[in-house]
Amino acid sequence: MAAMKNDSGWRIAARGLLAGFFVVAGINHFISPKIYLGMMPPWLPAPELANVVSGAAEIAGGLGLLSRRFRRTAGWGLIALLVAVFPANLHVALQGHMPGLNVSPLILWLRLPFQPGLIAWVWWVALKRPESGARQR
């Protein structure tokens, strides 16, 4: 148990939860593409392709978090993805509704600050080095 001192059960659980979140969200891009297509800003070329690529990236990133070998690459990829999709989230907040879902405009604005939180979560579970004496799983 001493080896898990810094890569604790909390960090391992948080990694698994985040991986599951990204895999489920990525799969949802293929199950319910209309939701994501409705979020795309009008200036974005090839929204269908962007939906497929972002969904596949979420799945790959989520699975990558579970592998020690791919974790850092997955972490950087997920952070890049979260930064890249922020304009779509802002676009939805500015238009005041999310096509295909009945969501309050206030909720659309309140969800924007979660993006930096997700980025921090990815960093903690994938990129932050365990302190000396800890073994990374």
C-alpha atoms as a PDB file:
ATOM      1  CA  MET A   1       0.000   0.000   0.000  1.00  0.00           C
ATOM      2  CA  ALA A   2       2.878   2.395   0.582  1.00  0.00           C
ATOM      3  CA  ALA A   3       3.545   2.425  -3.162  1.00  0.00           C
ATOM      4  CA  MET A   4       0.083   3.914  -3.719  1.00  0.00           C
ATOM      5  CA  LYS A   5       0.690   6.755  -1.249  1.00  0.00           C
ATOM      6  CA  ASN A   6       0.535   9.517  -3.867  1.00  0.00           C
ATOM      7  CA  ASP A   7      -1.150   7.703  -6.744  1.00  0.00           C
ATOM      8  CA  SER A   8      -3.837   6.993  -4.206  1.00  0.00           C
ATOM      9  CA  GLY A   9      -7.115   5.236  -4.510  1.00  0.00           C
ATOM     10  CA  TRP A  10      -8.674   8.666  -4.986  1.00  0.00           C
ATOM     11  CA  ARG A  11      -6.517   9.429  -7.997  1.00  0.00           C
ATOM     12  CA  ILE A  12      -7.048   5.966  -9.482  1.00  0.00           C
ATOM     13  CA  ALA A  13     -10.817   6.245  -8.965  1.00  0.00           C
ATOM     14  CA  ALA A  14     -10.863   9.770 -10.409  1.00  0.00           C
ATOM     15  CA  ARG A  15      -8.926   8.514 -13.444  1.00  0.00           C
ATOM     16  CA  GLY A  16     -11.400   5.674 -14.000  1.00  0.00           C
ATOM     17  CA  LEU A  17     -14.394   7.979 -13.583  1.00  0.00           C
ATOM     18  CA  LEU A  18     -12.955  10.516 -16.014  1.00  0.00           C
ATOM     19  CA  ALA A  19     -12.068   7.796 -18.516  1.00  0.00           C
ATOM     20  CA  GLY A  20     -15.637   6.510 -18.348  1.00  0.00           C
ATOM     21  CA  PHE A  21     -17.008  10.025 -18.791  1.00  0.00           C
ATOM     22  CA  PHE A  22     -14.990  10.582 -21.964  1.00  0.00           C
ATOM     23  CA  VAL A  23     -15.770   7.156 -23.438  1.00  0.00           C
ATOM     24  CA  VAL A  24     -19.522   7.578 -22.835  1.00  0.00           C
ATOM     25  CA  ALA A  25     -19.468  11.148 -24.148  1.00  0.00           C
ATOM     26  CA  GLY A  26     -17.551  10.008 -27.227  1.00  0.00           C
ATOM     27  CA  ILE A  27     -19.993   7.188 -27.932  1.00  0.00           C
ATOM     28  CA  ASN A  28     -22.842   9.672 -27.593  1.00  0.00           C
ATOM     29  CA  HIS A  29     -21.414  11.633 -30.549  1.00  0.00           C
ATOM     30  CA  PHE A  30     -22.319   8.614 -32.706  1.00  0.00           C
ATOM     31  CA  ILE A  31     -25.638   7.804 -31.000  1.00  0.00           C
ATOM     32  CA  SER A  32     -27.001  11.378 -30.886  1.00  0.00           C
ATOM     33  CA  PRO A  33     -25.079  13.400 -33.472  1.00  0.00           C
ATOM     34  CA  LYS A  34     -27.857  16.002 -33.842  1.00  0.00           C
ATOM     35  CA  ILE A  35     -27.119  17.357 -30.368  1.00  0.00           C
ATOM     36  CA  TYR A  36     -23.463  17.963 -31.218  1.00  0.00           C
ATOM     37  CA  LEU A  37     -24.163  19.232 -34.716  1.00  0.00           C
ATOM     38  CA  GLY A  38     -26.557  21.787 -33.214  1.00  0.00           C
ATOM     39  CA  MET A  39     -23.747  23.045 -30.997  1.00  0.00           C
ATOM     40  CA  MET A  40     -21.343  23.684 -33.872  1.00  0.00           C
ATOM     41  CA  PRO A  41     -20.707  27.337 -34.703  1.00  0.00           C
ATOM     42  CA  PRO A  42     -21.818  28.211 -38.246  1.00  0.00           C
ATOM     43  CA  TRP A  43     -18.273  29.204 -39.248  1.00  0.00           C
ATOM     44  CA  LEU A  44     -16.953  25.699 -38.564  1.00  0.00           C
ATOM     45  CA  PRO A  45     -16.378  23.784 -41.820  1.00  0.00           C
ATOM     46  CA  ALA A  46     -17.470  20.112 -42.066  1.00  0.00           C
ATOM     47  CA  PRO A  47     -19.478  19.866 -38.828  1.00  0.00           C
ATOM     48  CA  GLU A  48     -20.255  16.160 -39.419  1.00  0.00           C
ATOM     49  CA  LEU A  49     -16.550  15.391 -39.672  1.00  0.00           C
ATOM     50  CA  ALA A  50     -15.818  17.513 -36.588  1.00  0.00           C
ATOM     51  CA  ASN A  51     -18.444  15.523 -34.668  1.00  0.00           C
ATOM     52  CA  VAL A  52     -16.951  12.167 -35.700  1.00  0.00           C
ATOM     53  CA  VAL A  53     -13.371  13.266 -35.006  1.00  0.00           C
ATOM     54  CA  SER A  54     -14.212  14.760 -31.597  1.00  0.00           C
ATOM     55  CA  GLY A  55     -16.250  11.698 -30.611  1.00  0.00           C
ATOM     56  CA  ALA A  56     -13.470   9.332 -31.648  1.00  0.00           C
ATOM     57  CA  ALA A  57     -10.919  11.512 -29.835  1.00  0.00           C
ATOM     58  CA  GLU A  58     -12.977  11.383 -26.632  1.00  0.00           C
ATOM     59  CA  ILE A  59     -13.193   7.592 -26.818  1.00  0.00           C
ATOM     60  CA  ALA A  60      -9.482   7.201 -27.579  1.00  0.00           C
ATOM     61  CA  GLY A  61      -8.513   9.697 -24.890  1.00  0.00           C
ATOM     62  CA  GLY A  62     -10.713   8.067 -22.288  1.00  0.00           C
ATOM     63  CA  LEU A  63      -9.296   4.637 -23.030  1.00  0.00           C
ATOM     64  CA  GLY A  64      -5.777   6.080 -23.123  1.00  0.00           C
ATOM     65  CA  LEU A  65      -6.168   7.365 -19.565  1.00  0.00           C
ATOM     66  CA  LEU A  66      -6.478   3.752 -18.420  1.00  0.00           C
ATOM     67  CA  SER A  67      -3.127   2.738 -19.913  1.00  0.00           C
ATOM     68  CA  ARG A  68       0.079   3.766 -18.193  1.00  0.00           C
ATOM     69  CA  ARG A  69       1.820   3.652 -21.576  1.00  0.00           C
ATOM     70  CA  PHE A  70      -0.617   6.057 -23.283  1.00  0.00           C
ATOM     71  CA  ARG A  71      -1.788   8.130 -20.308  1.00  0.00           C
ATOM     72  CA  ARG A  72       0.366  11.232 -20.885  1.00  0.00           C
ATOM     73  CA  THR A  73      -0.397  11.332 -24.608  1.00  0.00           C
ATOM     74  CA  ALA A  74      -4.099  10.863 -23.872  1.00  0.00           C
ATOM     75  CA  GLY A  75      -3.944  13.618 -21.269  1.00  0.00           C
ATOM     76  CA  TRP A  76      -2.418  16.140 -23.655  1.00  0.00           C
ATOM     77  CA  GLY A  77      -4.861  15.099 -26.378  1.00  0.00           C
ATOM     78  CA  LEU A  78      -7.874  15.508 -24.095  1.00  0.00           C
ATOM     79  CA  ILE A  79      -6.682  18.919 -22.923  1.00  0.00           C
ATOM     80  CA  ALA A  80      -6.277  20.005 -26.558  1.00  0.00           C
ATOM     81  CA  LEU A  81      -9.755  18.660 -27.322  1.00  0.00           C
ATOM     82  CA  LEU A  82     -11.313  20.491 -24.362  1.00  0.00           C
ATOM     83  CA  VAL A  83      -9.729  23.743 -25.530  1.00  0.00           C
ATOM     84  CA  ALA A  84     -10.837  23.098 -29.132  1.00  0.00           C
ATOM     85  CA  VAL A  85     -14.499  22.452 -28.252  1.00  0.00           C
ATOM     86  CA  PHE A  86     -14.831  25.468 -25.978  1.00  0.00           C
ATOM     87  CA  PRO A  87     -15.952  27.743 -28.868  1.00  0.00           C
ATOM     88  CA  ALA A  88     -18.876  25.372 -29.524  1.00  0.00           C
ATOM     89  CA  ASN A  89     -19.883  25.509 -25.861  1.00  0.00           C
ATOM     90  CA  LEU A  90     -19.641  29.304 -25.919  1.00  0.00           C
ATOM     91  CA  HIS A  91     -21.653  29.392 -29.166  1.00  0.00           C
ATOM     92  CA  VAL A  92     -24.475  27.417 -27.536  1.00  0.00           C
ATOM     93  CA  ALA A  93     -24.486  29.726 -24.509  1.00  0.00           C
ATOM     94  CA  LEU A  94     -24.607  32.785 -26.759  1.00  0.00           C
ATOM     95  CA  GLN A  95     -27.507  31.408 -28.806  1.00  0.00           C
ATOM     96  CA  GLY A  96     -29.369  30.619 -25.576  1.00  0.00           C
ATOM     97  CA  HIS A  97     -30.468  27.083 -26.377  1.00  0.00           C
ATOM     98  CA  MET A  98     -29.048  23.680 -27.164  1.00  0.00           C
ATOM     99  CA  PRO A  99     -30.802  22.145 -30.169  1.00  0.00           C
ATOM    100  CA  GLY A 100     -32.326  18.781 -29.335  1.00  0.00           C
ATOM    101  CA  LEU A 101     -32.329  19.381 -25.574  1.00  0.00           C
ATOM    102  CA  ASN A 102     -34.504  21.458 -23.301  1.00  0.00           C
ATOM    103  CA  VAL A 103     -31.780  23.195 -21.292  1.00  0.00           C
ATOM    104  CA  SER A 104     -32.085  26.519 -19.508  1.00  0.00           C
ATOM    105  CA  PRO A 105     -29.951  29.338 -20.955  1.00  0.00           C
ATOM    106  CA  LEU A 106     -28.575  29.839 -17.428  1.00  0.00           C
ATOM    107  CA  ILE A 107     -27.325  26.231 -17.384  1.00  0.00           C
ATOM    108  CA  LEU A 108     -25.593  26.803 -20.732  1.00  0.00           C
ATOM    109  CA  TRP A 109     -23.654  29.698 -19.190  1.00  0.00           C
ATOM    110  CA  LEU A 110     -22.993  27.907 -15.890  1.00  0.00           C
ATOM    111  CA  ARG A 111     -21.422  24.935 -17.670  1.00  0.00           C
ATOM    112  CA  LEU A 112     -18.671  27.062 -19.260  1.00  0.00           C
ATOM    113  CA  PRO A 113     -16.542  27.252 -16.074  1.00  0.00           C
ATOM    114  CA  PHE A 114     -16.530  23.451 -15.925  1.00  0.00           C
ATOM    115  CA  GLN A 115     -14.188  23.348 -18.933  1.00  0.00           C
ATOM    116  CA  PRO A 116     -11.172  24.565 -16.921  1.00  0.00           C
ATOM    117  CA  GLY A 117     -12.200  22.129 -14.180  1.00  0.00           C
ATOM    118  CA  LEU A 118     -12.158  19.239 -16.636  1.00  0.00           C
ATOM    119  CA  ILE A 119      -8.765  20.373 -17.910  1.00  0.00           C
ATOM    120  CA  ALA A 120      -7.433  20.403 -14.341  1.00  0.00           C
ATOM    121  CA  TRP A 121      -8.921  16.952 -13.724  1.00  0.00           C
ATOM    122  CA  VAL A 122      -7.233  15.547 -16.839  1.00  0.00           C
ATOM    123  CA  TRP A 123      -3.939  17.120 -15.780  1.00  0.00           C
ATOM    124  CA  TRP A 124      -4.182  15.635 -12.275  1.00  0.00           C
ATOM    125  CA  VAL A 125      -4.975  12.073 -13.381  1.00  0.00           C
ATOM    126  CA  ALA A 126      -2.781  11.946 -16.496  1.00  0.00           C
ATOM    127  CA  LEU A 127       0.034  14.483 -16.397  1.00  0.00           C
ATOM    128  CA  LYS A 128       0.881  15.342 -12.802  1.00  0.00           C
ATOM    129  CA  ARG A 129       3.843  13.244 -11.753  1.00  0.00           C
ATOM    130  CA  PRO A 130       3.472  11.290  -8.533  1.00  0.00           C
ATOM    131  CA  GLU A 131       5.702  12.575  -5.779  1.00  0.00           C
ATOM    132  CA  SER A 132       8.912  10.698  -5.111  1.00  0.00           C
ATOM    133  CA  GLY A 133       8.399   7.265  -3.681  1.00  0.00           C
ATOM    134  CA  ALA A 134       5.031   6.789  -5.382  1.00  0.00           C
ATOM    135  CA  ARG A 135       4.398   4.326  -8.160  1.00  0.00           C
ATOM    136  CA  GLN A 136       2.268   5.461 -11.086  1.00  0.00           C
ATOM    137  CA  ARG A 137      -0.385   2.983 -12.174  1.00  0.00           C
END
